C-alpha atoms as a PDB file:
ATOM      1  CA  MET A   1       0.000   0.000   0.000  1.00  0.00           C
ATOM      2  CA  ALA A   2       1.364   3.415  -1.036  1.00  0.00           C
ATOM      3  CA  ARG A   3       2.215   5.922   1.688  1.00  0.00           C
ATOM      4  CA  GLU A   4       0.045   8.949   2.404  1.00  0.00           C
ATOM      5  CA  ILE A   5       1.402  12.135   0.825  1.00  0.00           C
ATOM      6  CA  ARG A   6       0.634  15.632   2.092  1.00  0.00           C
ATOM      7  CA  VAL A   7       0.416  17.912  -0.936  1.00  0.00           C
ATOM      8  CA  SER A   8       0.219  21.714  -0.782  1.00  0.00           C
ATOM      9  CA  ASP A   9      -2.947  23.520  -1.820  1.00  0.00           C
ATOM     10  CA  GLU A  10      -0.900  25.364  -4.429  1.00  0.00           C
ATOM     11  CA  LEU A  11       0.171  22.122  -6.078  1.00  0.00           C
ATOM     12  CA  ARG A  12      -3.397  20.798  -6.025  1.00  0.00           C
ATOM     13  CA  ARG A  13      -4.672  23.996  -7.678  1.00  0.00           C
ATOM     14  CA  LYS A  14      -1.953  23.751 -10.299  1.00  0.00           C
ATOM     15  CA  ALA A  15      -2.860  20.145 -11.097  1.00  0.00           C
ATOM     16  CA  ALA A  16      -6.562  20.999 -11.359  1.00  0.00           C
ATOM     17  CA  ALA A  17      -5.865  23.972 -13.638  1.00  0.00           C
ATOM     18  CA  GLU A  18      -3.579  21.972 -15.942  1.00  0.00           C
ATOM     19  CA  GLY A  19      -6.134  19.229 -16.628  1.00  0.00           C
ATOM     20  CA  SER A  20      -6.710  15.495 -16.331  1.00  0.00           C
ATOM     21  CA  HIS A  21      -3.126  14.434 -17.109  1.00  0.00           C
ATOM     22  CA  CYS A  22      -1.819  16.400 -14.102  1.00  0.00           C
ATOM     23  CA  ALA A  23      -4.704  15.247 -11.915  1.00  0.00           C
ATOM     24  CA  ALA A  24      -3.758  11.660 -12.790  1.00  0.00           C
ATOM     25  CA  TRP A  25      -0.116  12.392 -11.932  1.00  0.00           C
ATOM     26  CA  LEU A  26      -1.186  13.777  -8.569  1.00  0.00           C
ATOM     27  CA  ALA A  27      -3.301  10.687  -7.859  1.00  0.00           C
ATOM     28  CA  GLY A  28      -0.305   8.473  -8.622  1.00  0.00           C
ATOM     29  CA  LEU A  29       2.162  10.582  -6.610  1.00  0.00           C
ATOM     30  CA  PRO A  30       2.234   8.319  -3.502  1.00  0.00           C
ATOM     31  CA  ARG A  31       3.179   5.344  -5.670  1.00  0.00           C
ATOM     32  CA  LEU A  32       5.832   7.398  -7.495  1.00  0.00           C
ATOM     33  CA  VAL A  33       7.393   8.533  -4.207  1.00  0.00           C
ATOM     34  CA  ASP A  34       7.558   4.901  -3.087  1.00  0.00           C
ATOM     35  CA  GLU A  35       9.220   3.912  -6.368  1.00  0.00           C
ATOM     36  CA  MET A  36      11.903   6.571  -5.993  1.00  0.00           C
ATOM     37  CA  ALA A  37      12.442   5.709  -2.314  1.00  0.00           C
ATOM     38  CA  THR A  38      13.070   2.100  -3.297  1.00  0.00           C
ATOM     39  CA  LEU A  39      15.198   2.926  -6.347  1.00  0.00           C
ATOM     40  CA  TRP A  40      17.440   5.422  -4.574  1.00  0.00           C
ATOM     41  CA  LYS A  41      17.244   3.805  -1.112  1.00  0.00           C
ATOM     42  CA  LEU A  42      15.729   6.832   0.578  1.00  0.00           C
ATOM     43  CA  GLN A  43      13.921   7.463   3.800  1.00  0.00           C
ATOM     44  CA  ILE A  44      11.171   9.975   2.985  1.00  0.00           C
ATOM     45  CA  GLY A  45      10.568  12.874   5.368  1.00  0.00           C
ATOM     46  CA  GLU A  46       8.310  15.921   5.331  1.00  0.00           C
ATOM     47  CA  PRO A  47       7.232  17.877   2.229  1.00  0.00           C
ATOM     48  CA  LEU A  48       9.147  21.104   1.643  1.00  0.00           C
ATOM     49  CA  PRO A  49       7.846  24.462   0.406  1.00  0.00           C
ATOM     50  CA  GLY A  50       8.551  25.537  -3.155  1.00  0.00           C
ATOM     51  CA  GLY A  51       7.948  24.068  -6.555  1.00  0.00           C
ATOM     52  CA  THR A  52       4.744  25.365  -8.144  1.00  0.00           C
ATOM     53  CA  ALA A  53       4.620  22.359 -10.474  1.00  0.00           C
ATOM     54  CA  SER A  54       6.742  19.909  -8.499  1.00  0.00           C
ATOM     55  CA  PHE A  55       6.436  17.875  -5.320  1.00  0.00           C
ATOM     56  CA  VAL A  56       9.480  18.533  -3.145  1.00  0.00           C
ATOM     57  CA  VAL A  57      10.153  16.427  -0.057  1.00  0.00           C
ATOM     58  CA  ALA A  58      12.990  15.987   2.439  1.00  0.00           C
ATOM     59  CA  SER A  59      14.745  12.642   2.246  1.00  0.00           C
ATOM     60  CA  THR A  60      17.732  10.832   3.716  1.00  0.00           C
ATOM     61  CA  THR A  61      20.034   8.373   1.960  1.00  0.00           C
ATOM     62  CA  ILE A  62      20.993   4.981   3.326  1.00  0.00           C
ATOM     63  CA  ASP A  63      24.316   6.419   4.516  1.00  0.00           C
ATOM     64  CA  GLY A  64      22.602   9.285   6.364  1.00  0.00           C
ATOM     65  CA  ALA A  65      23.071  12.150   3.911  1.00  0.00           C
ATOM     66  CA  ASP A  66      20.362  14.832   3.964  1.00  0.00           C
ATOM     67  CA  THR A  67      18.793  15.127   0.525  1.00  0.00           C
ATOM     68  CA  VAL A  68      15.778  16.500  -1.332  1.00  0.00           C
ATOM     69  CA  LEU A  69      13.594  14.489  -3.716  1.00  0.00           C
ATOM     70  CA  LYS A  70      11.906  16.582  -6.403  1.00  0.00           C
ATOM     71  CA  LEU A  71       9.243  15.185  -8.740  1.00  0.00           C
ATOM     72  CA  ALA A  72       7.800  17.277 -11.577  1.00  0.00           C
ATOM     73  CA  MET A  73       4.209  17.051 -12.787  1.00  0.00           C
ATOM     74  CA  PRO A  74       3.555  17.022 -16.557  1.00  0.00           C
ATOM     75  CA  ALA A  75       2.445  20.662 -16.526  1.00  0.00           C
ATOM     76  CA  GLU A  76       2.655  22.869 -19.594  1.00  0.00           C
ATOM     77  CA  VAL A  77       4.484  25.542 -17.564  1.00  0.00           C
ATOM     78  CA  ASP A  78       7.263  24.599 -15.092  1.00  0.00           C
ATOM     79  CA  GLY A  79       6.632  20.897 -15.654  1.00  0.00           C
ATOM     80  CA  TRP A  80       8.673  18.036 -17.063  1.00  0.00           C
ATOM     81  CA  GLU A  81      10.605  20.108 -19.580  1.00  0.00           C
ATOM     82  CA  THR A  82      11.623  22.619 -16.916  1.00  0.00           C
ATOM     83  CA  LEU A  83      12.850  19.955 -14.498  1.00  0.00           C
ATOM     84  CA  ASP A  84      14.741  18.099 -17.186  1.00  0.00           C
ATOM     85  CA  ARG A  85      16.514  21.337 -18.216  1.00  0.00           C
ATOM     86  CA  GLU A  86      17.285  22.002 -14.553  1.00  0.00           C
ATOM     87  CA  ALA A  87      18.890  18.565 -14.279  1.00  0.00           C
ATOM     88  CA  ARG A  88      21.044  19.207 -17.370  1.00  0.00           C
ATOM     89  CA  VAL A  89      22.315  22.484 -15.934  1.00  0.00           C
ATOM     90  CA  LEU A  90      23.071  21.017 -12.500  1.00  0.00           C
ATOM     91  CA  GLN A  91      24.880  18.045 -14.024  1.00  0.00           C
ATOM     92  CA  GLU A  92      27.105  20.405 -16.012  1.00  0.00           C
ATOM     93  CA  ALA A  93      27.682  22.715 -13.034  1.00  0.00           C
ATOM     94  CA  GLU A  94      28.881  19.937 -10.683  1.00  0.00           C
ATOM     95  CA  GLY A  95      28.348  22.182  -7.662  1.00  0.00           C
ATOM     96  CA  ARG A  96      29.937  25.330  -9.100  1.00  0.00           C
ATOM     97  CA  GLY A  97      27.623  28.002  -7.752  1.00  0.00           C
ATOM     98  CA  CYS A  98      24.676  25.583  -7.685  1.00  0.00           C
ATOM     99  CA  VAL A  99      23.215  22.834  -5.543  1.00  0.00           C
ATOM    100  CA  ARG A 100      24.692  19.406  -6.317  1.00  0.00           C
ATOM    101  CA  ILE A 101      22.519  16.910  -8.156  1.00  0.00           C
ATOM    102  CA  LEU A 102      23.010  13.392  -6.792  1.00  0.00           C
ATOM    103  CA  ALA A 103      20.715  11.391  -9.077  1.00  0.00           C
ATOM    104  CA  TYR A 104      18.419  11.966 -12.041  1.00  0.00           C
ATOM    105  CA  ASP A 105      15.727   9.746 -13.553  1.00  0.00           C
ATOM    106  CA  PRO A 106      14.620  11.263 -16.881  1.00  0.00           C
ATOM    107  CA  ASP A 107      11.829   8.718 -17.367  1.00  0.00           C
ATOM    108  CA  ARG A 108      10.180   9.578 -14.052  1.00  0.00           C
ATOM    109  CA  HIS A 109      11.235  13.247 -14.195  1.00  0.00           C
ATOM    110  CA  ALA A 110      12.795  12.985 -10.763  1.00  0.00           C
ATOM    111  CA  VAL A 111      15.938  14.494  -9.264  1.00  0.00           C
ATOM    112  CA  LEU A 112      17.737  13.924  -5.984  1.00  0.00           C
ATOM    113  CA  LEU A 113      19.596  16.967  -4.643  1.00  0.00           C
ATOM    114  CA  GLU A 114      21.790  17.739  -1.666  1.00  0.00           C
ATOM    115  CA  ARG A 115      19.737  19.416   1.043  1.00  0.00           C
ATOM    116  CA  LEU A 116      20.528  23.049   1.773  1.00  0.00           C
ATOM    117  CA  GLY A 117      19.449  25.439   4.499  1.00  0.00           C
ATOM    118  CA  THR A 118      17.822  28.853   4.893  1.00  0.00           C
ATOM    119  CA  ARG A 119      16.997  31.063   1.925  1.00  0.00           C
ATOM    120  CA  LEU A 120      19.118  34.162   1.407  1.00  0.00           C
ATOM    121  CA  ALA A 121      15.842  36.111   1.287  1.00  0.00           C
ATOM    122  CA  ASP A 122      15.148  35.163   4.923  1.00  0.00           C
ATOM    123  CA  LEU A 123      18.508  36.085   6.435  1.00  0.00           C
ATOM    124  CA  GLY A 124      17.978  39.851   6.686  1.00  0.00           C
ATOM    125  CA  LEU A 125      21.287  40.734   5.042  1.00  0.00           C
ATOM    126  CA  PRO A 126      21.755  44.244   3.587  1.00  0.00           C
ATOM    127  CA  LEU A 127      20.866  44.589  -0.087  1.00  0.00           C
ATOM    128  CA  SER A 128      24.464  45.333  -1.038  1.00  0.00           C
ATOM    129  CA  ARG A 129      25.604  42.036   0.514  1.00  0.00           C
ATOM    130  CA  GLN A 130      22.791  40.085  -1.128  1.00  0.00           C
ATOM    131  CA  LEU A 131      23.793  41.446  -4.536  1.00  0.00           C
ATOM    132  CA  GLU A 132      27.410  40.495  -3.845  1.00  0.00           C
ATOM    133  CA  ILE A 133      26.379  36.916  -3.048  1.00  0.00           C
ATOM    134  CA  ILE A 134      24.222  36.662  -6.168  1.00  0.00           C
ATOM    135  CA  CYS A 135      27.080  37.944  -8.319  1.00  0.00           C
ATOM    136  CA  GLU A 136      29.594  35.569  -6.702  1.00  0.00           C
ATOM    137  CA  LEU A 137      27.379  32.576  -7.471  1.00  0.00           C
ATOM    138  CA  VAL A 138      26.446  33.414 -11.060  1.00  0.00           C
ATOM    139  CA  ARG A 139      30.087  34.139 -11.856  1.00  0.00           C
ATOM    140  CA  GLN A 140      30.920  30.594 -10.757  1.00  0.00           C
ATOM    141  CA  LEU A 141      28.213  29.205 -13.017  1.00  0.00           C
ATOM    142  CA  TRP A 142      29.443  31.230 -15.992  1.00  0.00           C
ATOM    143  CA  THR A 143      32.715  29.268 -15.891  1.00  0.00           C
ATOM    144  CA  VAL A 144      30.884  26.006 -16.638  1.00  0.00           C
ATOM    145  CA  ARG A 145      31.098  24.665 -20.186  1.00  0.00           C
ATOM    146  CA  PRO A 146      27.896  26.013 -21.782  1.00  0.00           C
ATOM    147  CA  ASP A 147      25.277  23.749 -23.292  1.00  0.00           C
ATOM    148  CA  THR A 148      24.647  25.438 -26.635  1.00  0.00           C
ATOM    149  CA  GLU A 149      21.384  23.506 -27.077  1.00  0.00           C
ATOM    150  CA  LEU A 150      19.763  25.404 -24.213  1.00  0.00           C
ATOM    151  CA  PRO A 151      17.407  28.276 -25.092  1.00  0.00           C
ATOM    152  CA  SER A 152      19.473  31.261 -26.205  1.00  0.00           C
ATOM    153  CA  GLY A 153      19.466  34.893 -25.201  1.00  0.00           C
ATOM    154  CA  ARG A 154      18.181  35.724 -28.665  1.00  0.00           C
ATOM    155  CA  GLU A 155      15.250  33.375 -28.141  1.00  0.00           C
ATOM    156  CA  ARG A 156      14.515  34.987 -24.785  1.00  0.00           C
ATOM    157  CA  ALA A 157      14.488  38.501 -26.268  1.00  0.00           C
ATOM    158  CA  ARG A 158      12.269  37.361 -29.142  1.00  0.00           C
ATOM    159  CA  LEU A 159       9.905  35.616 -26.721  1.00  0.00           C
ATOM    160  CA  LEU A 160       9.621  38.665 -24.465  1.00  0.00           C
ATOM    161  CA  ALA A 161       8.880  40.886 -27.474  1.00  0.00           C
ATOM    162  CA  THR A 162       5.849  38.665 -28.098  1.00  0.00           C
ATOM    163  CA  LEU A 163       4.769  37.844 -24.545  1.00  0.00           C
ATOM    164  CA  ILE A 164       4.873  41.382 -23.139  1.00  0.00           C
ATOM    165  CA  PRO A 165       2.186  42.875 -25.435  1.00  0.00           C
ATOM    166  CA  GLU A 166       0.146  39.644 -25.339  1.00  0.00           C
ATOM    167  CA  THR A 167       0.126  39.532 -21.534  1.00  0.00           C
ATOM    168  CA  TRP A 168      -0.585  43.280 -21.346  1.00  0.00           C
ATOM    169  CA  GLU A 169      -3.757  42.697 -23.371  1.00  0.00           C
ATOM    170  CA  GLN A 170      -4.745  39.711 -21.225  1.00  0.00           C
ATOM    171  CA  VAL A 171      -4.592  41.747 -17.997  1.00  0.00           C
ATOM    172  CA  ASP A 172      -6.593  44.702 -19.365  1.00  0.00           C
ATOM    173  CA  ARG A 173      -3.716  47.035 -20.188  1.00  0.00           C
ATOM    174  CA  PRO A 174      -2.605  48.106 -16.692  1.00  0.00           C
ATOM    175  CA  THR A 175       0.056  50.505 -18.038  1.00  0.00           C
ATOM    176  CA  PRO A 176      -0.025  52.935 -21.004  1.00  0.00           C
ATOM    177  CA  ALA A 177       0.761  51.464 -24.416  1.00  0.00           C
ATOM    178  CA  ARG A 178       3.841  53.649 -24.892  1.00  0.00           C
ATOM    179  CA  PHE A 179       5.647  51.807 -22.101  1.00  0.00           C
ATOM    180  CA  ILE A 180       4.851  48.445 -23.680  1.00  0.00           C
ATOM    181  CA  ASP A 181       6.106  49.777 -27.018  1.00  0.00           C
ATOM    182  CA  HIS A 182       9.292  50.892 -25.254  1.00  0.00           C
ATOM    183  CA  ALA A 183       9.850  47.361 -23.904  1.00  0.00           C
ATOM    184  CA  VAL A 184       9.321  45.816 -27.336  1.00  0.00           C
ATOM    185  CA  ARG A 185      11.853  48.255 -28.842  1.00  0.00           C
ATOM    186  CA  LEU A 186      14.360  47.234 -26.172  1.00  0.00           C
ATOM    187  CA  ALA A 187      13.831  43.561 -27.045  1.00  0.00           C
ATOM    188  CA  ASP A 188      14.371  44.351 -30.721  1.00  0.00           C
ATOM    189  CA  LYS A 189      17.581  46.228 -29.879  1.00  0.00           C
ATOM    190  CA  LEU A 190      18.890  43.318 -27.808  1.00  0.00           C
ATOM    191  CA  LEU A 191      18.186  41.004 -30.733  1.00  0.00           C
ATOM    192  CA  ARG A 192      19.955  43.271 -33.241  1.00  0.00           C
ATOM    193  CA  THR A 193      23.020  43.755 -31.045  1.00  0.00           C
ATOM    194  CA  ASP A 194      23.356  40.196 -29.772  1.00  0.00           C
ATOM    195  CA  ARG A 195      26.949  38.993 -29.398  1.00  0.00           C
ATOM    196  CA  PRO A 196      26.828  35.178 -29.407  1.00  0.00           C
ATOM    197  CA  HIS A 197      30.553  34.868 -28.706  1.00  0.00           C
ATOM    198  CA  ARG A 198      29.898  36.282 -25.209  1.00  0.00           C
ATOM    199  CA  SER A 199      27.227  33.722 -24.345  1.00  0.00           C
ATOM    200  CA  VAL A 200      27.702  31.587 -21.237  1.00  0.00           C
ATOM    201  CA  LEU A 201      25.646  29.187 -19.160  1.00  0.00           C
ATOM    202  CA  VAL A 202      23.307  31.436 -17.164  1.00  0.00           C
ATOM    203  CA  HIS A 203      20.988  30.511 -14.318  1.00  0.00           C
ATOM    204  CA  GLY A 204      18.114  32.644 -15.579  1.00  0.00           C
ATOM    205  CA  ASP A 205      16.315  33.153 -12.244  1.00  0.00           C
ATOM    206  CA  ALA A 206      19.040  34.109  -9.762  1.00  0.00           C
ATOM    207  CA  HIS A 207      17.196  35.871  -6.940  1.00  0.00           C
ATOM    208  CA  ALA A 208      17.382  35.657  -3.152  1.00  0.00           C
ATOM    209  CA  SER A 209      14.623  33.045  -2.820  1.00  0.00           C
ATOM    210  CA  ASN A 210      16.545  30.742  -5.174  1.00  0.00           C
ATOM    211  CA  ILE A 211      19.711  30.946  -3.081  1.00  0.00           C
ATOM    212  CA  LEU A 212      20.067  28.770   0.009  1.00  0.00           C
ATOM    213  CA  LYS A 213      22.629  28.574   2.767  1.00  0.00           C
ATOM    214  CA  HIS A 214      25.054  25.678   2.295  1.00  0.00           C
ATOM    215  CA  PRO A 215      25.722  23.722   5.509  1.00  0.00           C
ATOM    216  CA  SER A 216      29.445  23.247   4.905  1.00  0.00           C
ATOM    217  CA  ALA A 217      30.745  25.095   1.821  1.00  0.00           C
ATOM    218  CA  ALA A 218      33.305  27.782   2.574  1.00  0.00           C
ATOM    219  CA  ASP A 219      31.539  30.345   0.380  1.00  0.00           C
ATOM    220  CA  GLY A 220      28.260  29.702   2.158  1.00  0.00           C
ATOM    221  CA  PHE A 221      25.498  29.640  -0.481  1.00  0.00           C
ATOM    222  CA  ARG A 222      24.220  27.774  -3.527  1.00  0.00           C
ATOM    223  CA  LEU A 223      21.730  28.528  -6.309  1.00  0.00           C
ATOM    224  CA  ILE A 224      18.732  26.248  -6.863  1.00  0.00           C
ATOM    225  CA  ASP A 225      16.085  25.884  -9.593  1.00  0.00           C
ATOM    226  CA  PRO A 226      18.057  27.079 -12.639  1.00  0.00           C
ATOM    227  CA  ASP A 227      16.052  27.941 -15.750  1.00  0.00           C
ATOM    228  CA  GLY A 228      19.197  27.401 -17.816  1.00  0.00           C
ATOM    229  CA  LEU A 229      19.936  29.543 -20.859  1.00  0.00           C
ATOM    230  CA  TYR A 230      22.857  30.049 -23.214  1.00  0.00           C
ATOM    231  CA  ALA A 231      23.021  33.827 -23.133  1.00  0.00           C
ATOM    232  CA  GLU A 232      25.194  36.841 -22.420  1.00  0.00           C
ATOM    233  CA  PRO A 233      26.043  37.151 -18.704  1.00  0.00           C
ATOM    234  CA  GLU A 234      24.144  40.425 -18.363  1.00  0.00           C
ATOM    235  CA  TYR A 235      20.895  38.490 -18.687  1.00  0.00           C
ATOM    236  CA  ASP A 236      21.565  36.751 -15.353  1.00  0.00           C
ATOM    237  CA  LEU A 237      21.967  40.130 -13.667  1.00  0.00           C
ATOM    238  CA  SER A 238      18.678  41.442 -15.060  1.00  0.00           C
ATOM    239  CA  ILE A 239      16.838  39.336 -12.472  1.00  0.00           C
ATOM    240  CA  SER A 240      18.355  41.442  -9.684  1.00  0.00           C
ATOM    241  CA  MET A 241      17.058  44.541 -11.493  1.00  0.00           C
ATOM    242  CA  ARG A 242      13.443  43.352 -11.207  1.00  0.00           C
ATOM    243  CA  GLU A 243      13.742  42.352  -7.522  1.00  0.00           C
ATOM    244  CA  TYR A 244      13.916  44.419  -4.294  1.00  0.00           C
ATOM    245  CA  LEU A 245      11.172  46.722  -5.549  1.00  0.00           C
ATOM    246  CA  GLY A 246      10.780  48.629  -2.283  1.00  0.00           C
ATOM    247  CA  GLU A 247      14.422  49.681  -2.447  1.00  0.00           C
ATOM    248  CA  LEU A 248      13.766  51.288  -5.831  1.00  0.00           C
ATOM    249  CA  LEU A 249      10.903  53.404  -4.529  1.00  0.00           C
ATOM    250  CA  VAL A 250      12.593  55.019  -1.514  1.00  0.00           C
ATOM    251  CA  GLY A 251      13.875  57.806  -3.767  1.00  0.00           C
ATOM    252  CA  ASP A 252      14.341  58.469  -7.470  1.00  0.00           C
ATOM    253  CA  ALA A 253      13.579  55.054  -9.029  1.00  0.00           C
ATOM    254  CA  LEU A 254      15.452  55.946 -12.207  1.00  0.00           C
ATOM    255  CA  ASP A 255      18.623  56.975 -10.396  1.00  0.00           C
ATOM    256  CA  LEU A 256      18.457  54.045  -7.992  1.00  0.00           C
ATOM    257  CA  GLY A 257      17.926  51.599 -10.860  1.00  0.00           C
ATOM    258  CA  ALA A 258      20.872  53.018 -12.786  1.00  0.00           C
ATOM    259  CA  ARG A 259      23.075  52.778  -9.695  1.00  0.00           C
ATOM    260  CA  ARG A 260      22.069  49.153  -9.177  1.00  0.00           C
ATOM    261  CA  ALA A 261      22.968  48.309 -12.782  1.00  0.00           C
ATOM    262  CA  GLN A 262      26.358  49.987 -12.286  1.00  0.00           C
ATOM    263  CA  GLN A 263      26.936  48.056  -9.045  1.00  0.00           C
ATOM    264  CA  LEU A 264      26.103  44.726 -10.676  1.00  0.00           C
ATOM    265  CA  ALA A 265      28.369  45.538 -13.617  1.00  0.00           C
ATOM    266  CA  ALA A 266      31.248  46.483 -11.322  1.00  0.00           C
ATOM    267  CA  LEU A 267      30.873  43.251  -9.326  1.00  0.00           C
ATOM    268  CA  THR A 268      30.964  41.080 -12.440  1.00  0.00           C
ATOM    269  CA  ASP A 269      32.986  43.068 -14.998  1.00  0.00           C
ATOM    270  CA  THR A 270      30.001  43.245 -17.347  1.00  0.00           C
ATOM    271  CA  ASP A 271      28.125  45.928 -19.311  1.00  0.00           C
ATOM    272  CA  ALA A 272      25.834  48.130 -17.185  1.00  0.00           C
ATOM    273  CA  GLU A 273      23.821  49.256 -20.220  1.00  0.00           C
ATOM    274  CA  ARG A 274      23.005  45.668 -21.205  1.00  0.00           C
ATOM    275  CA  ILE A 275      22.047  44.879 -17.601  1.00  0.00           C
ATOM    276  CA  TRP A 276      19.775  47.929 -17.643  1.00  0.00           C
ATOM    277  CA  GLU A 277      18.102  46.906 -20.917  1.00  0.00           C
ATOM    278  CA  TRP A 278      17.526  43.290 -19.936  1.00  0.00           C
ATOM    279  CA  GLY A 279      16.389  44.498 -16.522  1.00  0.00           C
ATOM    280  CA  ASN A 280      13.755  46.750 -18.090  1.00  0.00           C
ATOM    281  CA  LEU A 281      12.352  43.817 -20.043  1.00  0.00           C
ATOM    282  CA  GLU A 282      12.275  41.458 -17.082  1.00  0.00           C
ATOM    283  CA  LEU A 283      10.732  44.113 -14.832  1.00  0.00           C
ATOM    284  CA  VAL A 284       7.861  44.717 -17.262  1.00  0.00           C
ATOM    285  CA  PHE A 285       7.204  41.071 -18.021  1.00  0.00           C
ATOM    286  CA  ASN A 286       7.439  39.946 -14.407  1.00  0.00           C
ATOM    287  CA  GLY A 287       5.062  42.722 -13.373  1.00  0.00           C
ATOM    288  CA  LEU A 288       2.502  41.676 -15.952  1.00  0.00           C
ATOM    289  CA  LEU A 289       2.928  38.018 -14.993  1.00  0.00           C
ATOM    290  CA  LEU A 290       2.379  38.718 -11.300  1.00  0.00           C
ATOM    291  CA  ILE A 291      -0.877  40.451 -12.170  1.00  0.00           C
ATOM    292  CA  LYS A 292      -1.985  37.709 -14.565  1.00  0.00           C
ATOM    293  CA  THR A 293      -1.359  34.846 -12.158  1.00  0.00           C
ATOM    294  CA  GLY A 294      -2.713  36.714  -9.154  1.00  0.00           C
ATOM    295  CA  LYS A 295       0.369  35.597  -7.262  1.00  0.00           C
ATOM    296  CA  ASN A 296       1.167  39.142  -6.137  1.00  0.00           C
ATOM    297  CA  ALA A 297      -0.788  41.732  -8.095  1.00  0.00           C
ATOM    298  CA  ALA A 298       0.394  44.560  -5.815  1.00  0.00           C
ATOM    299  CA  ALA A 299       4.040  43.758  -6.600  1.00  0.00           C
ATOM    300  CA  GLY A 300       3.098  43.510 -10.274  1.00  0.00           C
ATOM    301  CA  ARG A 301       1.647  47.013 -10.257  1.00  0.00           C
ATOM    302  CA  MET A 302       4.698  48.282  -8.370  1.00  0.00           C
ATOM    303  CA  SER A 303       6.944  46.724 -11.047  1.00  0.00           C
ATOM    304  CA  LEU A 304       5.063  48.535 -13.788  1.00  0.00           C
ATOM    305  CA  GLN A 305       5.215  51.807 -11.841  1.00  0.00           C
ATOM    306  CA  ILE A 306       9.007  51.533 -11.678  1.00  0.00           C
ATOM    307  CA  ALA A 307       9.213  50.491 -15.339  1.00  0.00           C
ATOM    308  CA  GLU A 308       7.263  53.601 -16.335  1.00  0.00           C
ATOM    309  CA  ARG A 309       9.761  55.806 -14.527  1.00  0.00           C
ATOM    310  CA  TRP A 310      12.671  54.016 -16.145  1.00  0.00           C
ATOM    311  CA  ALA A 311      11.146  54.303 -19.625  1.00  0.00           C
ATOM    312  CA  GLN A 312      10.680  58.051 -19.297  1.00  0.00           C
ATOM    313  CA  ALA A 313      14.456  58.558 -19.230  1.00  0.00           C
END
């Protein structure tokens, strides 16, 4: 008899929204957890937070190592394809800047990871120190041999040029059209001026909630949940431009945003203008997405407010 599995309400809602194939996956989850526990000789513990389309649970190996078992549902967004790309990136990284992957089953879309500790977002560190940690970690990842079959920076710019106006329409145009046009022009510029020879393996979602304290590593932290792209390094830093929204509204949002781009560039020896341009795109799209999903509509509106100020420059 399969064990009882406690699944988050968020994961249940995701399965219901995706359709019968995800509902069937959810119904079979207890059996799947048992299969992986047997295959990888794991003792299964308590479910862990995180993973909008994955079941994440604490586990322990037969030799006592603390691990995490992650199982992806066949969702259209953040499902099997996303987990399989994550596994490819972590296998290439081999612990450089990222959590170590200990096992991967592509048929069951399951990964076993080393277990980490507290999120950087929960440690109360000053913003300047958080940005330093983010930059230290992504710089380690950029040294990994890039997988050129991953989605490219050009593909990301082209996708954003399409998704931004589409999503804007879907959420009833919460910002004036001229700011959406500005974002699309930025995407077109990034496409025209792409420099493929500078592309590296980038994480693609390097923010403080995707960075966890490492229990023993000398440098202290590791990235989790990589999106995985083959893109210019400035794209990785654009994620830090769309985060820490409150910090951008304590004064002149344009000046504070420009200073942040300069700080990120100085920490990583990259191009502040490219960070700024990618950051504009990610700020607009993330704001629209937060409104569309209802995950945090207030933060979405704040993102668009900042983007409007940036676009007026």
